[in-house]
């Protein structure tokens, strides 16, 4: 007889864990808003802490991650903040209130050259913080048969936070690479990581790449 002290959980739901091996065909690397509007030379003065971290740490890590994912057949999906209409009427209310207006097909809307998408890689324009709220990402992931999301990009306390939480709520195993994302300051980045830690597995880019290479859980 079942132990009356144990909750009546289905057998297949017992023992679930975020500590799991990487299955490349069922994994996607999300590169969020690493575009000319969010990283350019002007930000060295406007957001010096962010600019230095992005230039010296995050973008080099993303380059290594993208290269490894392409070699190992991990899906790479980019998102960019970009209006769908000329007048920006499709933007979320928050984007309108925050005065985010990225002209469709403009230089600002393009992924930075250092991480340029491959010819058959998906680039999704979005007009909200969470990828899931203004794109067909969820549908795409299910069509491609993706279970695991690796979230990277800008900014840790805004779009990364929203995407990690929404991904977890939609039934994906989410990993956030802590040195693959950045906020305006280190303090804000650390606060954000602490806020959504319970929704995902956290590791460094090097740790995840080692896991991908070994094909072992960590």
N, C-alpha and C. Protein backbone atom coordinates (compact mmCIF):
# COMPACT_ATOMS: atom_id res chain seq x y z
N UNK A 1 0.84 -1.20 0.00
CA UNK A 1 0.00 0.00 0.00
C UNK A 1 0.87 1.25 0.00
N UNK A 2 0.41 2.32 -0.65
CA UNK A 2 1.21 3.55 -0.65
C UNK A 2 1.31 4.14 0.74
N UNK A 3 2.43 4.79 0.98
CA UNK A 3 2.65 5.46 2.26
C UNK A 3 1.70 6.65 2.36
N UNK A 4 0.81 6.67 3.37
CA UNK A 4 -0.14 7.80 3.49
C UNK A 4 0.54 9.14 3.72
N UNK A 5 1.81 9.12 4.13
CA UNK A 5 2.51 10.38 4.39
C UNK A 5 3.04 11.00 3.10
N UNK A 6 3.11 10.21 2.01
CA UNK A 6 3.63 10.73 0.75
C UNK A 6 2.51 11.34 -0.08
N UNK A 7 2.78 12.48 -0.73
CA UNK A 7 1.77 13.07 -1.61
C UNK A 7 1.52 12.17 -2.81
N UNK A 8 0.32 12.19 -3.37
CA UNK A 8 -0.02 11.30 -4.48
C UNK A 8 0.51 11.79 -5.83
N UNK A 9 1.83 11.83 -5.96
CA UNK A 9 2.47 12.31 -7.19
C UNK A 9 2.60 11.16 -8.18
N UNK A 10 2.32 11.42 -9.46
CA UNK A 10 2.50 10.41 -10.50
C UNK A 10 3.94 9.90 -10.48
N UNK A 11 4.11 8.64 -10.77
CA UNK A 11 5.44 8.04 -10.74
C UNK A 11 6.41 8.75 -11.67
N UNK A 12 5.95 9.13 -12.87
CA UNK A 12 6.86 9.75 -13.84
C UNK A 12 7.24 11.18 -13.46
N UNK A 13 6.52 11.77 -12.50
CA UNK A 13 6.84 13.13 -12.06
C UNK A 13 7.78 13.14 -10.86
N UNK A 14 8.06 11.99 -10.31
CA UNK A 14 8.96 11.92 -9.17
C UNK A 14 10.42 11.99 -9.63
N UNK A 15 11.21 12.69 -8.88
CA UNK A 15 12.64 12.74 -9.17
C UNK A 15 13.04 13.64 -10.32
N UNK A 16 12.12 14.50 -10.81
CA UNK A 16 12.50 15.44 -11.86
C UNK A 16 13.58 16.39 -11.36
N UNK A 17 14.49 16.78 -12.23
CA UNK A 17 15.60 17.64 -11.83
C UNK A 17 16.06 18.49 -13.00
N UNK A 18 16.55 19.69 -12.68
CA UNK A 18 17.18 20.52 -13.71
C UNK A 18 18.59 20.03 -14.02
N UNK A 19 19.11 19.15 -13.18
CA UNK A 19 20.44 18.59 -13.40
C UNK A 19 20.27 17.43 -14.38
N UNK A 20 20.56 17.71 -15.64
CA UNK A 20 20.31 16.74 -16.70
C UNK A 20 21.32 16.92 -17.81
N UNK A 21 21.57 15.86 -18.56
CA UNK A 21 22.52 15.98 -19.67
C UNK A 21 21.96 16.84 -20.78
N UNK A 22 22.84 17.32 -21.64
CA UNK A 22 22.43 18.11 -22.79
C UNK A 22 22.14 17.16 -23.95
N UNK A 23 20.95 17.28 -24.51
CA UNK A 23 20.57 16.53 -25.70
C UNK A 23 20.50 17.55 -26.84
N UNK A 24 21.57 17.66 -27.64
CA UNK A 24 21.65 18.76 -28.62
C UNK A 24 20.41 18.96 -29.50
N UNK A 25 19.81 17.92 -30.09
CA UNK A 25 18.66 18.18 -30.96
C UNK A 25 17.44 18.73 -30.22
N UNK A 26 17.43 18.61 -28.91
CA UNK A 26 16.28 19.08 -28.13
C UNK A 26 16.64 20.30 -27.27
N UNK A 27 17.73 20.96 -27.64
CA UNK A 27 18.22 22.12 -26.90
C UNK A 27 18.31 23.33 -27.83
N UNK A 28 17.98 24.50 -27.30
CA UNK A 28 18.11 25.74 -28.07
C UNK A 28 18.86 26.78 -27.26
N UNK A 29 19.79 27.44 -27.91
CA UNK A 29 20.48 28.59 -27.34
C UNK A 29 19.73 29.85 -27.76
N UNK A 30 19.26 30.62 -26.79
CA UNK A 30 18.58 31.88 -27.08
C UNK A 30 19.55 33.03 -26.87
N UNK A 31 19.74 33.83 -27.91
CA UNK A 31 20.60 35.01 -27.84
C UNK A 31 19.66 36.21 -27.91
N UNK A 32 19.46 36.85 -26.76
CA UNK A 32 18.39 37.84 -26.61
C UNK A 32 18.92 39.27 -26.75
N UNK A 33 18.46 39.95 -27.78
CA UNK A 33 18.66 41.40 -27.94
C UNK A 33 20.12 41.84 -27.96
N UNK A 34 20.99 41.01 -28.48
CA UNK A 34 22.39 41.42 -28.63
C UNK A 34 22.49 42.05 -30.02
N UNK A 35 22.09 43.30 -30.09
CA UNK A 35 21.90 43.99 -31.36
C UNK A 35 22.54 45.37 -31.31
N UNK A 36 22.60 46.03 -32.44
CA UNK A 36 23.27 47.32 -32.50
C UNK A 36 22.60 48.39 -31.63
N UNK A 37 21.31 48.26 -31.39
CA UNK A 37 20.64 49.24 -30.54
C UNK A 37 21.05 49.12 -29.08
N UNK A 38 21.42 47.92 -28.65
CA UNK A 38 21.75 47.71 -27.24
C UNK A 38 23.24 47.72 -26.96
N UNK A 39 24.05 47.50 -28.00
CA UNK A 39 25.50 47.53 -27.82
C UNK A 39 26.14 48.24 -29.00
N UNK A 40 26.65 49.43 -28.72
CA UNK A 40 27.38 50.19 -29.74
C UNK A 40 28.34 51.14 -29.02
N UNK A 41 29.17 51.81 -29.76
CA UNK A 41 30.23 52.64 -29.16
C UNK A 41 29.70 53.74 -28.25
N UNK A 42 28.50 54.23 -28.52
CA UNK A 42 27.94 55.30 -27.68
C UNK A 42 27.73 54.84 -26.24
N UNK A 43 27.53 53.54 -26.04
CA UNK A 43 27.26 53.04 -24.70
C UNK A 43 28.49 53.03 -23.81
N UNK A 44 29.67 53.21 -24.40
CA UNK A 44 30.88 53.24 -23.57
C UNK A 44 30.82 54.41 -22.59
N UNK A 45 30.18 55.52 -23.01
CA UNK A 45 30.01 56.67 -22.11
C UNK A 45 28.67 56.62 -21.38
N UNK A 46 27.64 56.15 -22.06
CA UNK A 46 26.30 56.14 -21.46
C UNK A 46 26.18 55.07 -20.37
N UNK A 47 26.71 53.87 -20.67
CA UNK A 47 26.62 52.74 -19.74
C UNK A 47 27.98 52.05 -19.66
N UNK A 48 28.95 52.71 -19.06
CA UNK A 48 30.32 52.18 -19.09
C UNK A 48 30.48 50.79 -18.46
N UNK A 49 29.77 50.53 -17.36
CA UNK A 49 29.89 49.24 -16.69
C UNK A 49 29.34 48.13 -17.60
N UNK A 50 28.19 48.38 -18.17
CA UNK A 50 27.59 47.43 -19.10
C UNK A 50 28.48 47.23 -20.31
N UNK A 51 28.94 48.32 -20.89
CA UNK A 51 29.72 48.25 -22.13
C UNK A 51 30.97 47.41 -21.94
N UNK A 52 31.70 47.65 -20.87
CA UNK A 52 32.94 46.92 -20.63
C UNK A 52 32.69 45.43 -20.42
N UNK A 53 31.66 45.11 -19.64
CA UNK A 53 31.34 43.69 -19.41
C UNK A 53 30.88 43.01 -20.69
N UNK A 54 30.06 43.69 -21.47
CA UNK A 54 29.58 43.11 -22.72
C UNK A 54 30.73 42.87 -23.68
N UNK A 55 31.59 43.87 -23.81
CA UNK A 55 32.71 43.79 -24.75
C UNK A 55 33.72 42.72 -24.35
N UNK A 56 34.07 42.69 -23.06
CA UNK A 56 35.20 41.87 -22.61
C UNK A 56 34.80 40.47 -22.16
N UNK A 57 33.55 40.29 -21.76
CA UNK A 57 33.13 39.00 -21.18
C UNK A 57 31.98 38.37 -21.96
N UNK A 58 30.87 39.08 -22.03
CA UNK A 58 29.64 38.46 -22.54
C UNK A 58 29.75 38.12 -24.02
N UNK A 59 30.11 39.08 -24.84
CA UNK A 59 30.14 38.83 -26.29
C UNK A 59 31.18 37.77 -26.67
N UNK A 60 32.39 37.79 -26.10
CA UNK A 60 33.31 36.67 -26.39
C UNK A 60 32.76 35.31 -25.97
N UNK A 61 32.08 35.27 -24.83
CA UNK A 61 31.45 34.01 -24.41
C UNK A 61 30.36 33.58 -25.38
N UNK A 62 29.56 34.53 -25.82
CA UNK A 62 28.50 34.20 -26.78
C UNK A 62 29.08 33.71 -28.10
N UNK A 63 30.18 34.27 -28.51
CA UNK A 63 30.82 33.80 -29.74
C UNK A 63 31.21 32.33 -29.61
N UNK A 64 31.80 31.98 -28.47
CA UNK A 64 32.19 30.58 -28.25
C UNK A 64 30.96 29.68 -28.18
N UNK A 65 29.92 30.15 -27.54
CA UNK A 65 28.70 29.35 -27.41
C UNK A 65 28.05 29.11 -28.76
N UNK A 66 27.92 30.16 -29.56
CA UNK A 66 27.29 30.02 -30.87
C UNK A 66 28.10 29.05 -31.74
N UNK A 67 29.41 29.19 -31.74
CA UNK A 67 30.25 28.30 -32.54
C UNK A 67 30.07 26.84 -32.12
N UNK A 68 30.07 26.61 -30.81
CA UNK A 68 29.93 25.24 -30.31
C UNK A 68 28.55 24.67 -30.62
N UNK A 69 27.52 25.49 -30.49
CA UNK A 69 26.17 25.03 -30.78
C UNK A 69 26.01 24.66 -32.25
N UNK A 70 26.60 25.44 -33.12
CA UNK A 70 26.54 25.12 -34.55
C UNK A 70 27.24 23.80 -34.84
N UNK A 71 28.36 23.57 -34.20
CA UNK A 71 29.09 22.30 -34.41
C UNK A 71 28.29 21.10 -33.92
N UNK A 72 27.59 21.29 -32.80
CA UNK A 72 26.91 20.16 -32.15
C UNK A 72 25.43 20.08 -32.48
N UNK A 73 24.98 20.87 -33.44
CA UNK A 73 23.57 20.85 -33.89
C UNK A 73 22.59 21.25 -32.81
N UNK A 74 23.00 22.20 -31.97
CA UNK A 74 22.09 22.85 -31.03
C UNK A 74 21.46 24.04 -31.75
N UNK A 75 20.15 24.15 -31.71
CA UNK A 75 19.46 25.25 -32.39
C UNK A 75 19.89 26.59 -31.78
N UNK A 76 20.24 27.56 -32.62
CA UNK A 76 20.57 28.91 -32.17
C UNK A 76 19.45 29.83 -32.64
N UNK A 77 18.81 30.51 -31.69
CA UNK A 77 17.70 31.41 -32.00
C UNK A 77 18.02 32.80 -31.46
N UNK A 78 17.93 33.78 -32.32
CA UNK A 78 18.18 35.17 -31.93
C UNK A 78 16.84 35.92 -31.79
N UNK A 79 16.83 36.89 -30.89
CA UNK A 79 15.73 37.84 -30.87
C UNK A 79 16.31 39.25 -30.91
N UNK A 80 15.55 40.15 -31.52
CA UNK A 80 15.92 41.56 -31.55
C UNK A 80 14.69 42.41 -31.26
N UNK A 81 14.89 43.49 -30.57
CA UNK A 81 13.82 44.47 -30.42
C UNK A 81 13.66 45.15 -31.78
N UNK A 82 12.46 45.09 -32.33
CA UNK A 82 12.24 45.65 -33.66
C UNK A 82 10.75 45.84 -33.90
N UNK A 83 10.38 47.03 -34.34
CA UNK A 83 8.98 47.28 -34.69
C UNK A 83 8.58 46.43 -35.89
N UNK A 84 7.32 46.02 -35.90
CA UNK A 84 6.77 45.35 -37.08
C UNK A 84 6.12 46.35 -38.03
N UNK A 85 5.80 47.53 -37.50
CA UNK A 85 5.12 48.56 -38.30
C UNK A 85 5.97 49.82 -38.34
N UNK A 86 5.72 50.68 -39.34
CA UNK A 86 6.49 51.92 -39.47
C UNK A 86 6.29 52.84 -38.28
N UNK A 87 5.05 52.92 -37.79
CA UNK A 87 4.76 53.86 -36.70
C UNK A 87 4.88 53.22 -35.31
N UNK A 88 5.24 51.95 -35.26
CA UNK A 88 5.45 51.30 -33.97
C UNK A 88 4.19 51.01 -33.18
N UNK A 89 3.05 50.99 -33.84
CA UNK A 89 1.80 50.76 -33.11
C UNK A 89 1.71 49.36 -32.54
N UNK A 90 2.53 48.43 -33.08
CA UNK A 90 2.51 47.05 -32.60
C UNK A 90 3.30 46.86 -31.30
N UNK A 91 4.02 47.88 -30.85
CA UNK A 91 4.82 47.74 -29.62
C UNK A 91 3.94 47.52 -28.40
N UNK A 92 4.48 46.80 -27.43
CA UNK A 92 3.76 46.64 -26.17
C UNK A 92 3.61 48.00 -25.49
N UNK A 93 2.64 48.11 -24.60
CA UNK A 93 2.46 49.37 -23.87
C UNK A 93 3.73 49.74 -23.11
N UNK A 94 4.38 48.74 -22.53
CA UNK A 94 5.60 49.02 -21.78
C UNK A 94 6.68 49.60 -22.69
N UNK A 95 6.82 49.07 -23.91
CA UNK A 95 7.80 49.62 -24.85
C UNK A 95 7.45 51.05 -25.23
N UNK A 96 6.16 51.32 -25.38
CA UNK A 96 5.74 52.68 -25.70
C UNK A 96 6.04 53.62 -24.53
N UNK A 97 5.74 53.18 -23.32
CA UNK A 97 6.00 54.01 -22.14
C UNK A 97 7.50 54.22 -21.94
N UNK A 98 8.29 53.20 -22.30
CA UNK A 98 9.75 53.28 -22.14
C UNK A 98 10.44 53.93 -23.33
N UNK A 99 9.66 54.31 -24.34
CA UNK A 99 10.18 54.97 -25.54
C UNK A 99 11.15 54.09 -26.31
N UNK A 100 10.86 52.78 -26.38
CA UNK A 100 11.64 51.87 -27.21
C UNK A 100 11.03 51.89 -28.61
N UNK A 101 11.77 52.40 -29.56
CA UNK A 101 11.29 52.50 -30.94
C UNK A 101 12.43 52.10 -31.85
N UNK A 102 12.44 50.84 -32.28
CA UNK A 102 13.50 50.32 -33.14
C UNK A 102 12.91 50.11 -34.53
N UNK A 103 13.31 50.92 -35.46
CA UNK A 103 12.74 50.92 -36.81
C UNK A 103 12.98 49.57 -37.49
N UNK A 104 11.96 49.07 -38.13
CA UNK A 104 12.03 47.80 -38.83
C UNK A 104 13.14 47.81 -39.88
N UNK A 105 13.95 46.74 -39.87
CA UNK A 105 15.03 46.54 -40.84
C UNK A 105 16.13 47.59 -40.76
N UNK A 106 16.21 48.30 -39.66
CA UNK A 106 17.23 49.33 -39.49
C UNK A 106 18.54 48.72 -38.97
N UNK A 107 19.59 49.52 -38.97
CA UNK A 107 20.87 49.07 -38.41
C UNK A 107 20.70 48.72 -36.94
N UNK A 108 19.94 49.52 -36.21
CA UNK A 108 19.72 49.27 -34.77
C UNK A 108 19.04 47.93 -34.51
N UNK A 109 18.26 47.47 -35.47
CA UNK A 109 17.51 46.22 -35.29
C UNK A 109 18.33 44.97 -35.61
N UNK A 110 19.54 45.13 -36.12
CA UNK A 110 20.32 43.98 -36.54
C UNK A 110 21.18 43.43 -35.40
N UNK A 111 21.33 42.12 -35.38
CA UNK A 111 22.27 41.47 -34.46
C UNK A 111 23.67 42.01 -34.74
N UNK A 112 24.47 42.21 -33.71
CA UNK A 112 25.81 42.76 -33.90
C UNK A 112 26.63 41.85 -34.82
N UNK A 113 27.54 42.45 -35.56
CA UNK A 113 28.33 41.70 -36.54
C UNK A 113 29.10 40.54 -35.91
N UNK A 114 29.57 40.72 -34.69
CA UNK A 114 30.38 39.69 -34.04
C UNK A 114 29.60 38.41 -33.79
N UNK A 115 28.28 38.50 -33.81
CA UNK A 115 27.44 37.32 -33.58
C UNK A 115 26.44 37.12 -34.71
N UNK A 116 26.79 37.53 -35.89
CA UNK A 116 25.85 37.50 -37.02
C UNK A 116 25.21 36.13 -37.19
N UNK A 117 23.88 36.09 -37.33
CA UNK A 117 23.18 34.82 -37.51
C UNK A 117 23.60 34.12 -38.79
N UNK A 118 23.56 32.79 -38.76
CA UNK A 118 23.78 32.02 -39.96
C UNK A 118 22.60 32.15 -40.90
N UNK A 119 22.78 31.74 -42.14
CA UNK A 119 21.76 31.97 -43.16
C UNK A 119 20.45 31.24 -42.88
N UNK A 120 20.49 30.16 -42.11
CA UNK A 120 19.27 29.40 -41.82
C UNK A 120 18.91 29.44 -40.35
N UNK A 121 19.45 30.42 -39.61
CA UNK A 121 19.11 30.55 -38.19
C UNK A 121 17.96 31.53 -38.01
N UNK A 122 17.18 31.29 -36.99
CA UNK A 122 15.96 32.06 -36.75
C UNK A 122 16.28 33.36 -36.01
N UNK A 123 15.74 34.46 -36.53
CA UNK A 123 15.83 35.77 -35.86
C UNK A 123 14.40 36.28 -35.68
N UNK A 124 13.99 36.44 -34.43
CA UNK A 124 12.62 36.85 -34.13
C UNK A 124 12.58 38.30 -33.67
N UNK A 125 11.83 39.16 -34.35
CA UNK A 125 11.61 40.52 -33.83
C UNK A 125 10.63 40.46 -32.67
N UNK A 126 10.88 41.26 -31.66
CA UNK A 126 9.97 41.28 -30.51
C UNK A 126 9.71 42.70 -30.05
N UNK A 127 8.58 42.88 -29.40
CA UNK A 127 8.19 44.20 -28.91
C UNK A 127 7.70 44.12 -27.47
N UNK A 128 8.28 43.18 -26.71
CA UNK A 128 7.97 43.04 -25.29
C UNK A 128 9.20 42.47 -24.60
N UNK A 129 9.22 42.52 -23.28
CA UNK A 129 10.40 42.04 -22.55
C UNK A 129 10.57 40.53 -22.71
N UNK A 130 9.52 39.77 -22.45
CA UNK A 130 9.61 38.32 -22.58
C UNK A 130 9.51 37.92 -24.04
N UNK A 131 10.37 37.00 -24.45
CA UNK A 131 10.29 36.49 -25.82
C UNK A 131 8.94 35.86 -26.09
N UNK A 132 8.34 35.29 -25.08
CA UNK A 132 7.12 34.52 -25.27
C UNK A 132 5.88 35.38 -25.50
N UNK A 133 5.95 36.66 -25.15
CA UNK A 133 4.74 37.48 -25.18
C UNK A 133 4.48 38.18 -26.51
N UNK A 134 5.49 38.34 -27.35
CA UNK A 134 5.28 39.06 -28.62
C UNK A 134 5.90 38.35 -29.81
N UNK A 135 6.19 37.06 -29.66
CA UNK A 135 6.70 36.25 -30.76
C UNK A 135 5.99 34.90 -30.77
N UNK A 136 6.26 34.10 -31.79
CA UNK A 136 5.73 32.74 -31.84
C UNK A 136 6.77 31.73 -31.35
N UNK A 137 7.63 32.18 -30.43
CA UNK A 137 8.72 31.33 -29.94
C UNK A 137 8.21 30.01 -29.39
N UNK A 138 7.17 30.04 -28.57
CA UNK A 138 6.68 28.81 -27.96
C UNK A 138 6.27 27.80 -29.03
N UNK A 139 5.55 28.26 -30.03
CA UNK A 139 5.14 27.38 -31.13
C UNK A 139 6.35 26.82 -31.87
N UNK A 140 7.33 27.68 -32.15
CA UNK A 140 8.53 27.23 -32.85
C UNK A 140 9.28 26.16 -32.06
N UNK A 141 9.44 26.41 -30.77
CA UNK A 141 10.18 25.46 -29.94
C UNK A 141 9.50 24.10 -29.93
N UNK A 142 8.19 24.10 -29.83
CA UNK A 142 7.46 22.82 -29.80
C UNK A 142 7.51 22.15 -31.17
N UNK A 143 7.44 22.92 -32.24
CA UNK A 143 7.55 22.34 -33.58
C UNK A 143 8.92 21.73 -33.83
N UNK A 144 9.97 22.38 -33.29
CA UNK A 144 11.34 21.88 -33.46
C UNK A 144 11.64 20.75 -32.46
N UNK A 145 10.75 20.59 -31.49
CA UNK A 145 10.89 19.55 -30.46
C UNK A 145 11.98 19.89 -29.45
N UNK A 146 11.96 21.15 -29.00
CA UNK A 146 12.93 21.63 -28.02
C UNK A 146 12.37 21.47 -26.61
N UNK A 147 13.20 20.98 -25.70
CA UNK A 147 12.84 20.85 -24.28
C UNK A 147 13.66 21.77 -23.40
N UNK A 148 14.91 22.01 -23.79
CA UNK A 148 15.85 22.75 -22.94
C UNK A 148 16.20 24.09 -23.59
N UNK A 149 16.08 25.16 -22.81
CA UNK A 149 16.41 26.49 -23.27
C UNK A 149 17.63 27.01 -22.52
N UNK A 150 18.59 27.52 -23.27
CA UNK A 150 19.78 28.14 -22.68
C UNK A 150 19.67 29.62 -22.99
N UNK A 151 19.49 30.43 -21.94
CA UNK A 151 19.14 31.84 -22.12
C UNK A 151 20.37 32.72 -21.90
N UNK A 152 20.63 33.60 -22.88
CA UNK A 152 21.75 34.53 -22.81
C UNK A 152 21.32 35.88 -23.39
N UNK A 153 22.12 36.91 -23.14
CA UNK A 153 21.88 38.18 -23.79
C UNK A 153 21.65 39.33 -22.84
N UNK A 154 20.88 40.31 -23.29
CA UNK A 154 20.66 41.57 -22.58
C UNK A 154 19.17 41.82 -22.37
N UNK A 155 18.76 42.42 -21.29
CA UNK A 155 19.51 42.70 -20.08
C UNK A 155 19.07 41.70 -19.02
N UNK A 156 19.98 41.35 -18.11
CA UNK A 156 19.70 40.31 -17.13
C UNK A 156 18.46 40.61 -16.31
N UNK A 157 18.27 41.86 -15.92
CA UNK A 157 17.17 42.21 -15.03
C UNK A 157 15.90 42.60 -15.77
N UNK A 158 15.90 42.46 -17.08
CA UNK A 158 14.70 42.80 -17.85
C UNK A 158 14.30 41.61 -18.73
N UNK A 159 14.75 41.57 -19.96
CA UNK A 159 14.30 40.54 -20.89
C UNK A 159 14.75 39.13 -20.49
N UNK A 160 15.95 39.02 -19.91
CA UNK A 160 16.41 37.70 -19.48
C UNK A 160 15.55 37.20 -18.33
N UNK A 161 15.31 38.03 -17.36
CA UNK A 161 14.46 37.68 -16.21
C UNK A 161 13.09 37.20 -16.68
N UNK A 162 12.44 37.99 -17.53
CA UNK A 162 11.10 37.65 -18.00
C UNK A 162 11.10 36.35 -18.79
N UNK A 163 12.10 36.17 -19.64
CA UNK A 163 12.14 34.99 -20.50
C UNK A 163 12.40 33.72 -19.70
N UNK A 164 13.31 33.79 -18.75
CA UNK A 164 13.58 32.63 -17.89
C UNK A 164 12.32 32.19 -17.16
N UNK A 165 11.63 33.13 -16.55
CA UNK A 165 10.43 32.79 -15.78
C UNK A 165 9.31 32.28 -16.67
N UNK A 166 9.10 32.93 -17.80
CA UNK A 166 8.04 32.49 -18.70
C UNK A 166 8.37 31.12 -19.30
N UNK A 167 9.63 30.89 -19.61
CA UNK A 167 10.03 29.58 -20.14
C UNK A 167 9.78 28.48 -19.13
N UNK A 168 10.10 28.74 -17.88
CA UNK A 168 9.86 27.75 -16.83
C UNK A 168 8.37 27.48 -16.68
N UNK A 169 7.56 28.53 -16.70
CA UNK A 169 6.11 28.35 -16.57
C UNK A 169 5.50 27.59 -17.74
N UNK A 170 6.14 27.65 -18.89
CA UNK A 170 5.61 26.97 -20.07
C UNK A 170 6.13 25.55 -20.22
N UNK A 171 6.90 25.08 -19.25
CA UNK A 171 7.29 23.69 -19.22
C UNK A 171 8.62 23.36 -19.86
N UNK A 172 9.50 24.35 -19.99
CA UNK A 172 10.83 24.09 -20.51
C UNK A 172 11.83 23.97 -19.37
N UNK A 173 12.86 23.17 -19.58
CA UNK A 173 14.00 23.16 -18.68
C UNK A 173 14.88 24.34 -19.08
N UNK A 174 15.06 25.29 -18.17
CA UNK A 174 15.75 26.53 -18.50
C UNK A 174 17.11 26.59 -17.81
N UNK A 175 18.11 26.99 -18.57
CA UNK A 175 19.45 27.26 -18.04
C UNK A 175 19.80 28.70 -18.37
N UNK A 176 20.28 29.44 -17.38
CA UNK A 176 20.79 30.79 -17.62
C UNK A 176 22.30 30.76 -17.44
N UNK A 177 23.02 31.23 -18.44
CA UNK A 177 24.47 31.30 -18.35
C UNK A 177 24.86 32.65 -17.76
N UNK A 178 25.39 32.62 -16.57
CA UNK A 178 25.56 33.84 -15.78
C UNK A 178 26.55 34.82 -16.39
N UNK A 179 27.55 34.32 -17.11
CA UNK A 179 28.49 35.22 -17.78
C UNK A 179 28.18 35.33 -19.28
N UNK A 180 26.96 34.97 -19.62
CA UNK A 180 26.48 35.16 -20.98
C UNK A 180 25.39 36.20 -21.04
N UNK A 181 25.24 36.94 -19.95
CA UNK A 181 24.23 38.00 -19.89
C UNK A 181 24.76 39.15 -19.03
N UNK A 182 24.13 40.31 -19.16
CA UNK A 182 24.57 41.46 -18.39
C UNK A 182 23.44 42.46 -18.25
N UNK A 183 23.46 43.21 -17.14
CA UNK A 183 22.55 44.32 -16.91
C UNK A 183 23.34 45.62 -17.02
N UNK A 184 22.69 46.74 -16.73
CA UNK A 184 23.39 48.03 -16.83
C UNK A 184 24.57 48.10 -15.87
N UNK A 185 24.45 47.43 -14.72
CA UNK A 185 25.54 47.40 -13.74
C UNK A 185 25.68 45.99 -13.19
N UNK A 186 26.84 45.71 -12.60
CA UNK A 186 27.04 44.41 -11.96
C UNK A 186 26.07 44.22 -10.81
N UNK A 187 25.79 45.28 -10.08
CA UNK A 187 24.87 45.17 -8.95
C UNK A 187 23.48 44.73 -9.41
N UNK A 188 23.00 45.34 -10.47
CA UNK A 188 21.69 44.97 -10.99
C UNK A 188 21.70 43.55 -11.55
N UNK A 189 22.79 43.16 -12.17
CA UNK A 189 22.90 41.79 -12.68
C UNK A 189 22.81 40.78 -11.55
N UNK A 190 23.57 41.00 -10.48
CA UNK A 190 23.57 40.06 -9.36
C UNK A 190 22.21 40.00 -8.68
N UNK A 191 21.55 41.15 -8.56
CA UNK A 191 20.22 41.17 -7.95
C UNK A 191 19.23 40.37 -8.80
N UNK A 192 19.32 40.50 -10.11
CA UNK A 192 18.41 39.78 -11.00
C UNK A 192 18.66 38.28 -10.94
N UNK A 193 19.91 37.86 -10.97
CA UNK A 193 20.23 36.44 -10.88
C UNK A 193 19.68 35.85 -9.59
N UNK A 194 19.79 36.59 -8.52
CA UNK A 194 19.23 36.12 -7.25
C UNK A 194 17.72 36.01 -7.29
N UNK A 195 17.09 36.88 -8.05
CA UNK A 195 15.63 36.91 -8.12
C UNK A 195 15.06 35.70 -8.86
N UNK A 196 15.67 35.33 -9.99
CA UNK A 196 15.08 34.24 -10.76
C UNK A 196 15.85 32.92 -10.66
N UNK A 197 16.73 32.82 -9.68
CA UNK A 197 17.53 31.61 -9.51
C UNK A 197 16.68 30.35 -9.38
N UNK A 198 15.53 30.46 -8.73
CA UNK A 198 14.69 29.30 -8.52
C UNK A 198 13.97 28.79 -9.75
N UNK A 199 14.07 29.51 -10.86
CA UNK A 199 13.35 29.13 -12.07
C UNK A 199 14.22 28.40 -13.09
N UNK A 200 15.52 28.27 -12.80
CA UNK A 200 16.41 27.73 -13.83
C UNK A 200 17.66 27.14 -13.20
N UNK A 201 18.42 26.44 -14.03
CA UNK A 201 19.76 26.03 -13.66
C UNK A 201 20.70 27.16 -14.04
N UNK A 202 21.64 27.50 -13.17
CA UNK A 202 22.60 28.56 -13.47
C UNK A 202 24.00 27.97 -13.53
N UNK A 203 24.74 28.38 -14.55
CA UNK A 203 26.12 27.96 -14.71
C UNK A 203 26.84 28.96 -15.61
N UNK A 204 28.14 28.84 -15.68
CA UNK A 204 28.91 29.71 -16.55
C UNK A 204 28.92 29.14 -17.97
N UNK A 205 29.34 29.96 -18.90
CA UNK A 205 29.45 29.50 -20.28
C UNK A 205 30.44 28.34 -20.39
N UNK A 206 31.57 28.46 -19.69
CA UNK A 206 32.58 27.40 -19.74
C UNK A 206 32.04 26.10 -19.17
N UNK A 207 31.29 26.17 -18.09
CA UNK A 207 30.69 24.97 -17.50
C UNK A 207 29.70 24.31 -18.46
N UNK A 208 28.89 25.14 -19.12
CA UNK A 208 27.91 24.58 -20.05
C UNK A 208 28.60 23.97 -21.26
N UNK A 209 29.62 24.62 -21.76
CA UNK A 209 30.35 24.09 -22.92
C UNK A 209 31.03 22.77 -22.57
N UNK A 210 31.55 22.66 -21.36
CA UNK A 210 32.15 21.40 -20.93
C UNK A 210 31.10 20.31 -20.85
N UNK A 211 29.93 20.66 -20.38
CA UNK A 211 28.81 19.71 -20.29
C UNK A 211 28.38 19.27 -21.69
N UNK A 212 28.33 20.21 -22.62
CA UNK A 212 27.97 19.88 -23.99
C UNK A 212 28.99 18.93 -24.59
N UNK A 213 30.25 19.17 -24.32
CA UNK A 213 31.32 18.34 -24.88
C UNK A 213 31.29 16.94 -24.31
N UNK A 214 31.05 16.84 -23.00
CA UNK A 214 31.06 15.53 -22.34
C UNK A 214 29.75 14.76 -22.52
N UNK A 215 28.65 15.49 -22.69
CA UNK A 215 27.37 14.84 -22.76
C UNK A 215 26.95 14.24 -21.45
N UNK A 216 27.37 14.90 -20.34
CA UNK A 216 27.05 14.39 -19.01
C UNK A 216 26.25 15.44 -18.24
N UNK A 217 25.50 14.98 -17.25
CA UNK A 217 24.76 15.89 -16.38
C UNK A 217 25.71 16.59 -15.44
N UNK A 218 25.33 17.83 -15.04
CA UNK A 218 26.13 18.58 -14.07
C UNK A 218 25.23 19.54 -13.34
